[in-house]
Amino acid sequence: MATLKPLTVFQLPLYAPDLNPVEGIWSVLRRTTVANRAFADPDDLIAAVRRGLRQLQYRHDVLDGCLTSTGLRRQPP
């Protein structure tokens, strides 16, 4: 019979953007891709964000920085 491991529960604050790595990614996009730009329509904004995310996916140093700022680390495959 398998033994059960104890469950650990952590109480997190209701709003904690500093614990969410996605907030770091949005911060990078706001400072680069969508900075100082007026968009013609929502589709133009969506295209710019997609373009920025495509460029960002090759910047592993930036993505690792977004994770590190939350205390998380990328696990090698």
C-alpha atoms as a PDB file:
ATOM      1  CA  MET A   1       0.000   0.000   0.000  1.00  0.00           C
ATOM      2  CA  ALA A   2       1.345   3.414  -0.954  1.00  0.00           C
ATOM      3  CA  THR A   3       1.936   5.990   1.736  1.00  0.00           C
ATOM      4  CA  LEU A   4       0.346   9.383   1.299  1.00  0.00           C
ATOM      5  CA  LYS A   5       2.491  12.507   1.351  1.00  0.00           C
ATOM      6  CA  PRO A   6       1.310  15.358   3.569  1.00  0.00           C
ATOM      7  CA  LEU A   7      -0.393  18.254   1.849  1.00  0.00           C
ATOM      8  CA  THR A   8       1.197  21.670   2.263  1.00  0.00           C
ATOM      9  CA  VAL A   9      -1.033  24.710   1.915  1.00  0.00           C
ATOM     10  CA  PHE A  10       0.317  28.212   1.335  1.00  0.00           C
ATOM     11  CA  GLN A  11      -1.793  31.287   1.977  1.00  0.00           C
ATOM     12  CA  LEU A  12      -1.188  33.713  -0.882  1.00  0.00           C
ATOM     13  CA  PRO A  13      -2.321  37.322  -1.046  1.00  0.00           C
ATOM     14  CA  LEU A  14      -5.470  38.043  -3.035  1.00  0.00           C
ATOM     15  CA  TYR A  15      -3.616  40.214  -5.548  1.00  0.00           C
ATOM     16  CA  ALA A  16       0.051  39.461  -6.111  1.00  0.00           C
ATOM     17  CA  PRO A  17       1.310  40.498  -9.551  1.00  0.00           C
ATOM     18  CA  ASP A  18       4.893  40.118  -8.334  1.00  0.00           C
ATOM     19  CA  LEU A  19       4.275  36.344  -8.026  1.00  0.00           C
ATOM     20  CA  ASN A  20       2.951  36.041 -11.602  1.00  0.00           C
ATOM     21  CA  PRO A  21       5.588  35.723 -14.373  1.00  0.00           C
ATOM     22  CA  VAL A  22       3.036  36.814 -17.003  1.00  0.00           C
ATOM     23  CA  GLU A  23       3.066  40.299 -15.476  1.00  0.00           C
ATOM     24  CA  GLY A  24       6.761  40.561 -16.329  1.00  0.00           C
ATOM     25  CA  ILE A  25       6.085  39.566 -19.919  1.00  0.00           C
ATOM     26  CA  TRP A  26       3.333  42.198 -20.231  1.00  0.00           C
ATOM     27  CA  SER A  27       5.707  44.754 -18.762  1.00  0.00           C
ATOM     28  CA  VAL A  28       8.289  43.957 -21.456  1.00  0.00           C
ATOM     29  CA  LEU A  29       5.644  44.194 -24.196  1.00  0.00           C
ATOM     30  CA  ARG A  30       4.365  47.525 -22.861  1.00  0.00           C
ATOM     31  CA  ARG A  31       7.896  48.956 -22.919  1.00  0.00           C
ATOM     32  CA  THR A  32       8.776  47.629 -26.390  1.00  0.00           C
ATOM     33  CA  THR A  33       6.074  46.478 -28.800  1.00  0.00           C
ATOM     34  CA  VAL A  34       3.154  48.680 -27.813  1.00  0.00           C
ATOM     35  CA  ALA A  35       5.065  51.654 -26.369  1.00  0.00           C
ATOM     36  CA  ASN A  36       4.142  55.109 -27.701  1.00  0.00           C
ATOM     37  CA  ARG A  37       1.882  53.792 -30.407  1.00  0.00           C
ATOM     38  CA  ALA A  38      -1.707  54.531 -31.378  1.00  0.00           C
ATOM     39  CA  PHE A  39      -3.563  51.545 -32.801  1.00  0.00           C
ATOM     40  CA  ALA A  40      -6.054  51.920 -35.624  1.00  0.00           C
ATOM     41  CA  ASP A  41      -8.368  49.213 -34.296  1.00  0.00           C
ATOM     42  CA  PRO A  42      -8.361  46.206 -31.944  1.00  0.00           C
ATOM     43  CA  ASP A  43      -7.035  43.961 -34.713  1.00  0.00           C
ATOM     44  CA  ASP A  44      -3.992  46.217 -35.066  1.00  0.00           C
ATOM     45  CA  LEU A  45      -3.333  45.907 -31.318  1.00  0.00           C
ATOM     46  CA  ILE A  46      -3.731  42.115 -31.441  1.00  0.00           C
ATOM     47  CA  ALA A  47      -1.303  41.874 -34.369  1.00  0.00           C
ATOM     48  CA  ALA A  48       1.270  44.002 -32.526  1.00  0.00           C
ATOM     49  CA  VAL A  49       1.014  41.909 -29.349  1.00  0.00           C
ATOM     50  CA  ARG A  50       1.336  38.673 -31.325  1.00  0.00           C
ATOM     51  CA  ARG A  51       4.374  40.039 -33.135  1.00  0.00           C
ATOM     52  CA  GLY A  52       5.925  41.066 -29.829  1.00  0.00           C
ATOM     53  CA  LEU A  53       5.271  37.649 -28.275  1.00  0.00           C
ATOM     54  CA  ARG A  54       6.805  35.924 -31.310  1.00  0.00           C
ATOM     55  CA  GLN A  55       9.945  38.042 -30.936  1.00  0.00           C
ATOM     56  CA  LEU A  56      10.029  37.479 -27.200  1.00  0.00           C
ATOM     57  CA  GLN A  57       9.865  33.687 -27.457  1.00  0.00           C
ATOM     58  CA  TYR A  58      13.441  33.685 -28.774  1.00  0.00           C
ATOM     59  CA  ARG A  59      14.731  35.883 -25.934  1.00  0.00           C
ATOM     60  CA  HIS A  60      15.307  33.216 -23.308  1.00  0.00           C
ATOM     61  CA  ASP A  61      17.266  35.641 -21.148  1.00  0.00           C
ATOM     62  CA  VAL A  62      14.253  37.949 -20.887  1.00  0.00           C
ATOM     63  CA  LEU A  63      11.835  35.092 -20.223  1.00  0.00           C
ATOM     64  CA  ASP A  64      14.147  33.643 -17.569  1.00  0.00           C
ATOM     65  CA  GLY A  65      14.287  37.099 -15.987  1.00  0.00           C
ATOM     66  CA  CYS A  66      10.489  37.216 -15.792  1.00  0.00           C
ATOM     67  CA  LEU A  67      10.518  33.845 -14.016  1.00  0.00           C
ATOM     68  CA  THR A  68      13.429  34.727 -11.733  1.00  0.00           C
ATOM     69  CA  SER A  69      11.715  37.905 -10.549  1.00  0.00           C
ATOM     70  CA  THR A  70       8.932  35.720  -9.104  1.00  0.00           C
ATOM     71  CA  GLY A  71      11.333  33.308  -7.418  1.00  0.00           C
ATOM     72  CA  LEU A  72      10.621  30.563  -9.980  1.00  0.00           C
ATOM     73  CA  ARG A  73      13.178  28.842 -12.185  1.00  0.00           C
ATOM     74  CA  ARG A  74      12.877  27.169 -15.555  1.00  0.00           C
ATOM     75  CA  GLN A  75      13.290  23.403 -15.289  1.00  0.00           C
ATOM     76  CA  PRO A  76      15.390  21.796 -18.041  1.00  0.00           C
ATOM     77  CA  PRO A  77      13.477  19.160 -20.040  1.00  0.00           C
END
